[in-house]
Amino acid sequence: MATELASAAGRNQLKSAETFRRLHVPGDPVLLYNVWDAGSAKIVADAGAKAIATSSWAVAKANGFADGEHFPFELAMQNLRRIVEAVELPVTVDLESGYGDKASQVAKSVSLAIEAGAVGCNLEDTVPATGAVRDIATQMERVREARKAAEASNVSFFINARCDLFFQTGFCASR
């Protein structure tokens, strides 16, 4: 019975990943609405969204934590599972900086997010402890290992490799 449920969940994830891929059309951007829990995901889905994304800040704050990987990873994955189970839409997860200093830790985080049902993730280039932007070579290795983990899963997984330099320069704050 558990194997049948896992197989059904896997088929649904593969279908969601294909749906998400088809939403990526040049000139017609996919709109992602950020949610923080299963309830907000249901509301966004019922309002007509075609895909769901999590917001690390909103998830952390809704659970009494600060953003910046202060929300425990295990709780983030539990929250992700509840969101995925609550909606029949593709779900991407904000993995912040990948929950690990080493590229292998980022790969493990991506693997666990895929196991939880995600079809994509955000990976930031900042160091959570300091807010500094990682050097390009280090970030490239982190994204490369995340991609390897995704490919090993056989899920068409999207990685949004975010560059937060814009936020670090103070440009946002001055506007």
N, C-alpha and C. Protein backbone atom coordinates (compact mmCIF):
# COMPACT_ATOMS: atom_id res chain seq x y z
N MET A 1 0.83 -1.21 0.00
CA MET A 1 0.00 0.00 0.00
C MET A 1 0.87 1.26 0.00
N ALA A 2 1.89 1.30 0.86
CA ALA A 2 2.77 2.47 0.92
C ALA A 2 3.50 2.67 -0.40
N THR A 3 3.91 1.57 -1.04
CA THR A 3 4.59 1.66 -2.33
C THR A 3 3.66 2.22 -3.39
N GLU A 4 2.39 1.79 -3.36
CA GLU A 4 1.41 2.31 -4.32
C GLU A 4 1.21 3.81 -4.12
N LEU A 5 1.12 4.26 -2.87
CA LEU A 5 0.97 5.69 -2.59
C LEU A 5 2.20 6.46 -3.06
N ALA A 6 3.39 5.90 -2.81
CA ALA A 6 4.61 6.57 -3.24
C ALA A 6 4.67 6.65 -4.76
N SER A 7 4.25 5.58 -5.44
CA SER A 7 4.23 5.59 -6.91
C SER A 7 3.27 6.63 -7.43
N ALA A 8 2.10 6.74 -6.82
CA ALA A 8 1.10 7.74 -7.23
C ALA A 8 1.65 9.14 -7.00
N ALA A 9 2.28 9.35 -5.86
CA ALA A 9 2.86 10.67 -5.57
C ALA A 9 3.95 10.99 -6.59
N GLY A 10 4.76 10.00 -6.95
CA GLY A 10 5.81 10.21 -7.95
C GLY A 10 5.24 10.56 -9.31
N ARG A 11 4.17 9.88 -9.70
CA ARG A 11 3.52 10.20 -10.99
C ARG A 11 2.96 11.61 -10.97
N ASN A 12 2.35 11.99 -9.87
CA ASN A 12 1.82 13.35 -9.75
C ASN A 12 2.93 14.39 -9.82
N GLN A 13 4.07 14.10 -9.21
CA GLN A 13 5.18 15.03 -9.24
C GLN A 13 5.73 15.16 -10.66
N LEU A 14 5.84 14.05 -11.36
CA LEU A 14 6.32 14.10 -12.75
C LEU A 14 5.36 14.90 -13.62
N LYS A 15 4.06 14.72 -13.39
CA LYS A 15 3.04 15.49 -14.13
C LYS A 15 3.16 16.97 -13.78
N SER A 16 3.35 17.29 -12.50
CA SER A 16 3.50 18.69 -12.08
C SER A 16 4.74 19.32 -12.69
N ALA A 17 5.82 18.55 -12.75
CA ALA A 17 7.06 19.07 -13.34
C ALA A 17 6.85 19.37 -14.82
N GLU A 18 6.14 18.50 -15.52
CA GLU A 18 5.86 18.73 -16.94
C GLU A 18 4.95 19.95 -17.11
N THR A 19 3.95 20.08 -16.25
CA THR A 19 3.07 21.25 -16.28
C THR A 19 3.88 22.52 -16.07
N PHE A 20 4.79 22.49 -15.09
CA PHE A 20 5.60 23.66 -14.80
C PHE A 20 6.50 24.01 -15.98
N ARG A 21 7.07 22.99 -16.62
CA ARG A 21 7.91 23.23 -17.80
C ARG A 21 7.11 23.92 -18.90
N ARG A 22 5.88 23.48 -19.11
CA ARG A 22 5.04 24.07 -20.17
C ARG A 22 4.63 25.50 -19.85
N LEU A 23 4.67 25.89 -18.59
CA LEU A 23 4.34 27.26 -18.21
C LEU A 23 5.46 28.24 -18.57
N HIS A 24 6.64 27.74 -18.84
CA HIS A 24 7.78 28.58 -19.20
C HIS A 24 7.77 28.83 -20.70
N VAL A 25 7.12 29.92 -21.08
CA VAL A 25 6.95 30.28 -22.48
C VAL A 25 7.61 31.64 -22.71
N PRO A 26 8.55 31.70 -23.67
CA PRO A 26 9.17 33.00 -23.96
C PRO A 26 8.10 34.05 -24.29
N GLY A 27 8.21 35.20 -23.65
CA GLY A 27 7.27 36.29 -23.88
C GLY A 27 6.00 36.21 -23.06
N ASP A 28 5.81 35.12 -22.34
CA ASP A 28 4.62 34.93 -21.52
C ASP A 28 5.06 34.34 -20.18
N PRO A 29 5.63 35.17 -19.31
CA PRO A 29 6.24 34.65 -18.08
C PRO A 29 5.24 33.96 -17.16
N VAL A 30 5.72 32.93 -16.51
CA VAL A 30 4.91 32.26 -15.50
C VAL A 30 4.87 33.15 -14.26
N LEU A 31 3.68 33.32 -13.71
CA LEU A 31 3.53 34.12 -12.49
C LEU A 31 3.47 33.18 -11.31
N LEU A 32 4.36 33.39 -10.36
CA LEU A 32 4.40 32.57 -9.16
C LEU A 32 3.94 33.39 -7.97
N TYR A 33 3.00 32.85 -7.25
CA TYR A 33 2.48 33.50 -6.05
C TYR A 33 3.09 32.80 -4.86
N ASN A 34 3.67 33.59 -3.96
CA ASN A 34 4.32 33.03 -2.78
C ASN A 34 3.32 32.69 -1.69
N VAL A 35 3.50 31.51 -1.11
CA VAL A 35 2.67 31.05 -0.01
C VAL A 35 3.58 30.69 1.16
N TRP A 36 2.97 30.45 2.31
CA TRP A 36 3.76 30.12 3.49
C TRP A 36 3.28 28.86 4.19
N ASP A 37 2.10 28.36 3.81
CA ASP A 37 1.59 27.13 4.42
C ASP A 37 0.53 26.52 3.52
N ALA A 38 0.00 25.37 3.93
CA ALA A 38 -1.00 24.68 3.12
C ALA A 38 -2.26 25.52 2.92
N GLY A 39 -2.67 26.25 3.95
CA GLY A 39 -3.86 27.08 3.83
C GLY A 39 -3.71 28.19 2.81
N SER A 40 -2.58 28.89 2.85
CA SER A 40 -2.37 29.96 1.87
C SER A 40 -2.20 29.37 0.47
N ALA A 41 -1.63 28.16 0.37
CA ALA A 41 -1.50 27.50 -0.93
C ALA A 41 -2.87 27.20 -1.52
N LYS A 42 -3.79 26.71 -0.69
CA LYS A 42 -5.14 26.41 -1.17
C LYS A 42 -5.85 27.67 -1.66
N ILE A 43 -5.68 28.75 -0.92
CA ILE A 43 -6.32 30.02 -1.30
C ILE A 43 -5.78 30.50 -2.65
N VAL A 44 -4.46 30.45 -2.81
CA VAL A 44 -3.84 30.90 -4.06
C VAL A 44 -4.26 29.98 -5.22
N ALA A 45 -4.29 28.68 -4.97
CA ALA A 45 -4.72 27.74 -6.01
C ALA A 45 -6.18 28.00 -6.40
N ASP A 46 -7.03 28.18 -5.41
CA ASP A 46 -8.45 28.44 -5.68
C ASP A 46 -8.68 29.75 -6.42
N ALA A 47 -7.74 30.68 -6.28
CA ALA A 47 -7.85 31.96 -6.97
C ALA A 47 -7.42 31.87 -8.44
N GLY A 48 -6.91 30.71 -8.85
CA GLY A 48 -6.58 30.51 -10.25
C GLY A 48 -5.11 30.45 -10.60
N ALA A 49 -4.25 30.38 -9.62
CA ALA A 49 -2.82 30.27 -9.92
C ALA A 49 -2.54 29.00 -10.69
N LYS A 50 -1.50 29.04 -11.51
CA LYS A 50 -1.10 27.87 -12.29
C LYS A 50 0.06 27.12 -11.64
N ALA A 51 0.71 27.77 -10.69
CA ALA A 51 1.82 27.19 -9.95
C ALA A 51 1.96 27.93 -8.63
N ILE A 52 2.64 27.29 -7.70
CA ILE A 52 2.81 27.84 -6.35
C ILE A 52 4.30 27.94 -6.04
N ALA A 53 4.68 28.97 -5.32
CA ALA A 53 6.05 29.10 -4.82
C ALA A 53 6.00 29.40 -3.33
N THR A 54 7.02 28.98 -2.63
CA THR A 54 7.10 29.37 -1.22
C THR A 54 8.01 30.57 -1.10
N SER A 55 7.81 31.31 -0.05
CA SER A 55 8.65 32.46 0.29
C SER A 55 9.37 32.12 1.58
N SER A 56 10.69 32.11 1.55
CA SER A 56 11.43 31.76 2.77
C SER A 56 11.10 32.73 3.90
N TRP A 57 10.99 34.01 3.57
CA TRP A 57 10.70 35.01 4.59
C TRP A 57 9.33 34.74 5.21
N ALA A 58 8.32 34.55 4.38
CA ALA A 58 6.97 34.33 4.88
C ALA A 58 6.86 33.03 5.67
N VAL A 59 7.50 31.97 5.17
CA VAL A 59 7.46 30.68 5.88
C VAL A 59 8.13 30.83 7.24
N ALA A 60 9.29 31.45 7.27
CA ALA A 60 10.01 31.63 8.53
C ALA A 60 9.20 32.47 9.51
N LYS A 61 8.72 33.62 9.06
CA LYS A 61 7.97 34.52 9.95
C LYS A 61 6.68 33.88 10.46
N ALA A 62 5.98 33.15 9.59
CA ALA A 62 4.72 32.51 10.00
C ALA A 62 4.96 31.46 11.08
N ASN A 63 6.20 31.00 11.18
CA ASN A 63 6.53 29.98 12.17
C ASN A 63 7.39 30.51 13.31
N GLY A 64 7.52 31.84 13.39
CA GLY A 64 8.22 32.46 14.51
C GLY A 64 9.73 32.52 14.39
N PHE A 65 10.25 32.43 13.16
CA PHE A 65 11.69 32.46 12.94
C PHE A 65 12.05 33.65 12.06
N ALA A 66 13.31 34.01 12.07
CA ALA A 66 13.83 35.02 11.15
C ALA A 66 14.18 34.33 9.83
N ASP A 67 14.19 35.09 8.76
CA ASP A 67 14.62 34.59 7.46
C ASP A 67 16.13 34.38 7.49
N GLY A 68 16.68 33.72 6.50
CA GLY A 68 18.12 33.53 6.44
C GLY A 68 18.54 32.19 7.00
N GLU A 69 17.76 31.16 6.72
CA GLU A 69 18.02 29.79 7.16
C GLU A 69 17.95 29.61 8.67
N HIS A 70 17.19 30.47 9.35
CA HIS A 70 16.96 30.29 10.78
C HIS A 70 15.81 29.32 11.03
N PHE A 71 14.94 29.16 10.05
CA PHE A 71 13.87 28.17 10.12
C PHE A 71 14.50 26.81 9.87
N PRO A 72 14.39 25.86 10.82
CA PRO A 72 15.06 24.57 10.65
C PRO A 72 14.65 23.87 9.35
N PHE A 73 15.63 23.31 8.69
CA PHE A 73 15.41 22.68 7.39
C PHE A 73 14.35 21.57 7.48
N GLU A 74 14.39 20.77 8.52
CA GLU A 74 13.43 19.68 8.67
C GLU A 74 12.00 20.22 8.71
N LEU A 75 11.81 21.33 9.41
CA LEU A 75 10.48 21.95 9.47
C LEU A 75 10.09 22.53 8.12
N ALA A 76 11.07 23.07 7.40
CA ALA A 76 10.80 23.60 6.06
C ALA A 76 10.32 22.49 5.13
N MET A 77 10.93 21.31 5.24
CA MET A 77 10.52 20.18 4.38
C MET A 77 9.14 19.65 4.80
N GLN A 78 8.85 19.64 6.09
CA GLN A 78 7.51 19.23 6.54
C GLN A 78 6.47 20.20 5.99
N ASN A 79 6.76 21.48 6.06
CA ASN A 79 5.86 22.51 5.55
C ASN A 79 5.67 22.34 4.04
N LEU A 80 6.77 22.08 3.33
CA LEU A 80 6.71 21.87 1.88
C LEU A 80 5.81 20.68 1.56
N ARG A 81 5.97 19.57 2.27
CA ARG A 81 5.13 18.39 2.03
C ARG A 81 3.64 18.73 2.20
N ARG A 82 3.32 19.47 3.25
CA ARG A 82 1.92 19.83 3.47
C ARG A 82 1.40 20.70 2.34
N ILE A 83 2.22 21.62 1.84
CA ILE A 83 1.81 22.48 0.72
C ILE A 83 1.59 21.64 -0.53
N VAL A 84 2.53 20.76 -0.84
CA VAL A 84 2.41 19.90 -2.03
C VAL A 84 1.16 19.04 -1.95
N GLU A 85 0.87 18.50 -0.78
CA GLU A 85 -0.31 17.65 -0.60
C GLU A 85 -1.61 18.43 -0.66
N ALA A 86 -1.55 19.73 -0.38
CA ALA A 86 -2.77 20.55 -0.32
C ALA A 86 -3.26 21.01 -1.69
N VAL A 87 -2.38 21.03 -2.68
CA VAL A 87 -2.75 21.56 -3.99
C VAL A 87 -2.34 20.59 -5.10
N GLU A 88 -3.02 20.70 -6.21
CA GLU A 88 -2.67 19.89 -7.38
C GLU A 88 -1.97 20.76 -8.42
N LEU A 89 -1.05 21.57 -7.96
CA LEU A 89 -0.28 22.47 -8.81
C LEU A 89 1.20 22.22 -8.61
N PRO A 90 2.02 22.60 -9.58
CA PRO A 90 3.47 22.54 -9.36
C PRO A 90 3.86 23.46 -8.20
N VAL A 91 4.78 23.00 -7.37
CA VAL A 91 5.24 23.78 -6.22
C VAL A 91 6.76 23.91 -6.28
N THR A 92 7.23 25.16 -6.20
CA THR A 92 8.66 25.42 -6.07
C THR A 92 8.92 25.92 -4.66
N VAL A 93 10.09 25.61 -4.16
CA VAL A 93 10.43 25.94 -2.78
C VAL A 93 11.62 26.89 -2.74
N ASP A 94 11.54 27.86 -1.86
CA ASP A 94 12.66 28.77 -1.64
C ASP A 94 13.62 28.08 -0.66
N LEU A 95 14.72 27.57 -1.18
CA LEU A 95 15.72 26.91 -0.34
C LEU A 95 16.76 27.87 0.19
N GLU A 96 16.45 29.16 0.08
CA GLU A 96 17.38 30.19 0.54
C GLU A 96 18.75 29.95 -0.09
N SER A 97 19.78 29.74 0.71
CA SER A 97 21.12 29.53 0.18
C SER A 97 21.48 28.05 0.10
N GLY A 98 20.48 27.20 0.21
CA GLY A 98 20.71 25.77 0.06
C GLY A 98 20.91 25.01 1.35
N TYR A 99 20.81 25.71 2.49
CA TYR A 99 20.95 25.07 3.80
C TYR A 99 22.23 24.25 3.91
N GLY A 100 23.34 24.86 3.59
CA GLY A 100 24.61 24.18 3.78
C GLY A 100 25.75 25.00 3.22
N ASP A 101 26.90 24.91 3.88
CA ASP A 101 28.08 25.64 3.41
C ASP A 101 28.71 24.96 2.20
N LYS A 102 28.66 23.64 2.17
CA LYS A 102 29.31 22.87 1.10
C LYS A 102 28.32 22.56 -0.02
N ALA A 103 28.84 22.43 -1.22
CA ALA A 103 28.02 22.10 -2.38
C ALA A 103 27.30 20.77 -2.18
N SER A 104 27.94 19.82 -1.51
CA SER A 104 27.30 18.52 -1.26
C SER A 104 26.08 18.67 -0.35
N GLN A 105 26.13 19.62 0.58
CA GLN A 105 24.98 19.87 1.45
C GLN A 105 23.82 20.49 0.66
N VAL A 106 24.14 21.36 -0.27
CA VAL A 106 23.12 21.95 -1.13
C VAL A 106 22.47 20.86 -1.97
N ALA A 107 23.28 19.95 -2.51
CA ALA A 107 22.74 18.83 -3.29
C ALA A 107 21.79 18.00 -2.44
N LYS A 108 22.14 17.75 -1.20
CA LYS A 108 21.28 16.97 -0.29
C LYS A 108 19.97 17.73 -0.04
N SER A 109 20.05 19.03 0.14
CA SER A 109 18.84 19.83 0.34
C SER A 109 17.92 19.75 -0.87
N VAL A 110 18.50 19.82 -2.06
CA VAL A 110 17.70 19.71 -3.28
C VAL A 110 17.06 18.33 -3.36
N SER A 111 17.82 17.29 -3.07
CA SER A 111 17.27 15.93 -3.10
C SER A 111 16.10 15.79 -2.14
N LEU A 112 16.23 16.34 -0.95
CA LEU A 112 15.16 16.24 0.04
C LEU A 112 13.94 17.07 -0.37
N ALA A 113 14.17 18.21 -1.02
CA ALA A 113 13.04 19.01 -1.52
C ALA A 113 12.30 18.26 -2.62
N ILE A 114 13.04 17.56 -3.47
CA ILE A 114 12.41 16.75 -4.51
C ILE A 114 11.62 15.62 -3.88
N GLU A 115 12.20 14.96 -2.88
CA GLU A 115 11.49 13.90 -2.16
C GLU A 115 10.20 14.42 -1.54
N ALA A 116 10.21 15.68 -1.11
CA ALA A 116 9.02 16.28 -0.50
C ALA A 116 7.98 16.70 -1.53
N GLY A 117 8.34 16.64 -2.82
CA GLY A 117 7.36 16.92 -3.87
C GLY A 117 7.59 18.17 -4.68
N ALA A 118 8.65 18.93 -4.40
CA ALA A 118 8.91 20.16 -5.16
C ALA A 118 9.32 19.85 -6.59
N VAL A 119 9.00 20.77 -7.49
CA VAL A 119 9.43 20.65 -8.88
C VAL A 119 10.44 21.75 -9.24
N GLY A 120 10.81 22.56 -8.27
CA GLY A 120 11.77 23.61 -8.50
C GLY A 120 12.18 24.26 -7.19
N CYS A 121 13.23 25.09 -7.28
CA CYS A 121 13.69 25.79 -6.08
C CYS A 121 14.40 27.08 -6.45
N ASN A 122 14.50 27.95 -5.47
CA ASN A 122 15.37 29.12 -5.51
C ASN A 122 16.63 28.76 -4.76
N LEU A 123 17.78 29.17 -5.28
CA LEU A 123 19.05 29.06 -4.58
C LEU A 123 19.72 30.42 -4.62
N GLU A 124 19.88 31.02 -3.47
CA GLU A 124 20.49 32.34 -3.37
C GLU A 124 22.01 32.22 -3.35
N ASP A 125 22.67 33.31 -3.65
CA ASP A 125 24.14 33.32 -3.67
C ASP A 125 24.75 34.00 -2.44
N THR A 126 23.96 34.21 -1.43
CA THR A 126 24.49 34.88 -0.22
C THR A 126 24.84 33.87 0.86
N VAL A 127 25.73 34.27 1.74
CA VAL A 127 26.10 33.49 2.91
C VAL A 127 25.17 33.92 4.03
N PRO A 128 24.32 33.03 4.54
CA PRO A 128 23.33 33.43 5.54
C PRO A 128 23.91 34.10 6.78
N ALA A 129 25.05 33.63 7.24
CA ALA A 129 25.62 34.16 8.48
C ALA A 129 26.09 35.60 8.35
N THR A 130 26.53 35.99 7.14
CA THR A 130 27.11 37.32 6.99
C THR A 130 26.36 38.20 6.00
N GLY A 131 25.58 37.59 5.11
CA GLY A 131 24.91 38.36 4.06
C GLY A 131 25.80 38.65 2.88
N ALA A 132 27.07 38.22 2.95
CA ALA A 132 28.00 38.45 1.85
C ALA A 132 27.60 37.61 0.64
N VAL A 133 27.92 38.12 -0.53
CA VAL A 133 27.65 37.38 -1.76
C VAL A 133 28.82 36.42 -2.00
N ARG A 134 28.49 35.17 -2.32
CA ARG A 134 29.52 34.17 -2.59
C ARG A 134 30.26 34.50 -3.89
N ASP A 135 31.50 34.06 -3.96
CA ASP A 135 32.24 34.26 -5.21
C ASP A 135 31.63 33.34 -6.28
N ILE A 136 31.83 33.72 -7.52
CA ILE A 136 31.18 33.04 -8.64
C ILE A 136 31.56 31.56 -8.71
N ALA A 137 32.83 31.23 -8.52
CA ALA A 137 33.26 29.83 -8.62
C ALA A 137 32.57 28.96 -7.58
N THR A 138 32.47 29.46 -6.36
CA THR A 138 31.81 28.71 -5.29
C THR A 138 30.33 28.53 -5.60
N GLN A 139 29.68 29.59 -6.03
CA GLN A 139 28.26 29.49 -6.33
C GLN A 139 28.00 28.57 -7.53
N MET A 140 28.87 28.63 -8.51
CA MET A 140 28.72 27.74 -9.67
C MET A 140 28.81 26.28 -9.23
N GLU A 141 29.71 25.96 -8.33
CA GLU A 141 29.84 24.60 -7.83
C GLU A 141 28.59 24.18 -7.07
N ARG A 142 28.03 25.08 -6.30
CA ARG A 142 26.82 24.79 -5.53
C ARG A 142 25.65 24.50 -6.49
N VAL A 143 25.51 25.31 -7.51
CA VAL A 143 24.43 25.11 -8.49
C VAL A 143 24.68 23.83 -9.29
N ARG A 144 25.94 23.58 -9.65
CA ARG A 144 26.29 22.36 -10.38
C ARG A 144 25.90 21.11 -9.59
N GLU A 145 26.21 21.09 -8.31
CA GLU A 145 25.87 19.94 -7.47
C GLU A 145 24.35 19.82 -7.27
N ALA A 146 23.69 20.95 -7.17
CA ALA A 146 22.22 20.93 -7.08
C ALA A 146 21.64 20.32 -8.35
N ARG A 147 22.17 20.71 -9.51
CA ARG A 147 21.70 20.18 -10.79
C ARG A 147 21.93 18.67 -10.87
N LYS A 148 23.10 18.20 -10.42
CA LYS A 148 23.38 16.76 -10.42
C LYS A 148 22.37 16.01 -9.55
N ALA A 149 22.06 16.57 -8.41
CA ALA A 149 21.08 15.93 -7.53
C ALA A 149 19.71 15.88 -8.20
N ALA A 150 19.35 16.95 -8.86
CA ALA A 150 18.06 16.99 -9.55
C ALA A 150 18.02 15.96 -10.67
N GLU A 151 19.08 15.88 -11.45
CA GLU A 151 19.12 14.92 -12.56
C GLU A 151 19.06 13.49 -12.06
N ALA A 152 19.64 13.22 -10.91
CA ALA A 152 19.61 11.87 -10.34
C ALA A 152 18.20 11.47 -9.92
N SER A 153 17.34 12.45 -9.69
CA SER A 153 15.97 12.17 -9.24
C SER A 153 15.04 11.79 -10.38
N ASN A 154 15.43 12.10 -11.61
CA ASN A 154 14.58 11.88 -12.78
C ASN A 154 13.34 12.77 -12.80
N VAL A 155 13.33 13.82 -11.98
CA VAL A 155 12.27 14.82 -12.01
C VAL A 155 12.82 16.02 -12.78
N SER A 156 12.03 16.54 -13.71
CA SER A 156 12.45 17.72 -14.47
C SER A 156 12.39 18.92 -13.52
N PHE A 157 13.45 19.10 -12.76
CA PHE A 157 13.50 20.05 -11.64
C PHE A 157 14.10 21.37 -12.09
N PHE A 158 13.45 22.47 -11.74
CA PHE A 158 13.90 23.81 -12.09
C PHE A 158 14.71 24.42 -10.95
N ILE A 159 15.84 25.00 -11.30
CA ILE A 159 16.66 25.70 -10.31
C ILE A 159 16.74 27.16 -10.71
N ASN A 160 16.22 28.02 -9.86
CA ASN A 160 16.32 29.46 -10.06
C ASN A 160 17.53 29.93 -9.25
N ALA A 161 18.66 30.07 -9.93
CA ALA A 161 19.88 30.49 -9.26
C ALA A 161 19.84 32.01 -9.12
N ARG A 162 19.44 32.46 -7.94
CA ARG A 162 19.24 33.89 -7.69
C ARG A 162 20.55 34.60 -7.39
N CYS A 163 20.63 35.79 -7.89
CA CYS A 163 21.75 36.68 -7.58
C CYS A 163 21.21 37.81 -6.73
N ASP A 164 21.63 37.86 -5.48
CA ASP A 164 21.11 38.87 -4.56
C ASP A 164 22.02 40.08 -4.44
N LEU A 165 22.96 40.23 -5.36
CA LEU A 165 23.85 41.38 -5.33
C LEU A 165 23.05 42.68 -5.38
N PHE A 166 21.95 42.66 -6.12
CA PHE A 166 21.08 43.82 -6.23
C PHE A 166 20.66 44.31 -4.84
N PHE A 167 20.34 43.37 -3.97
CA PHE A 167 19.91 43.73 -2.62
C PHE A 167 21.09 44.15 -1.75
N GLN A 168 22.26 43.59 -2.00
CA GLN A 168 23.43 43.90 -1.19
C GLN A 168 24.00 45.29 -1.48
N THR A 169 23.75 45.82 -2.65
CA THR A 169 24.33 47.11 -3.02
C THR A 169 23.59 48.29 -2.40
N GLY A 170 22.43 48.04 -1.85
CA GLY A 170 21.64 49.12 -1.29
C GLY A 170 20.76 49.81 -2.33
N PHE A 171 20.84 49.33 -3.58
CA PHE A 171 20.04 49.93 -4.64
C PHE A 171 18.55 49.87 -4.30
N CYS A 172 18.12 48.71 -3.80
CA CYS A 172 16.70 48.55 -3.45
C CYS A 172 16.29 49.53 -2.36
N ALA A 173 17.13 49.65 -1.36
CA ALA A 173 16.80 50.50 -0.22
C ALA A 173 16.71 51.97 -0.62
N SER A 174 17.43 52.35 -1.66
CA SER A 174 17.42 53.76 -2.04
C SER A 174 16.27 54.11 -2.96
N ARG A 175 15.56 53.15 -3.44
CA ARG A 175 14.44 53.42 -4.38
C ARG A 175 13.13 53.54 -3.66
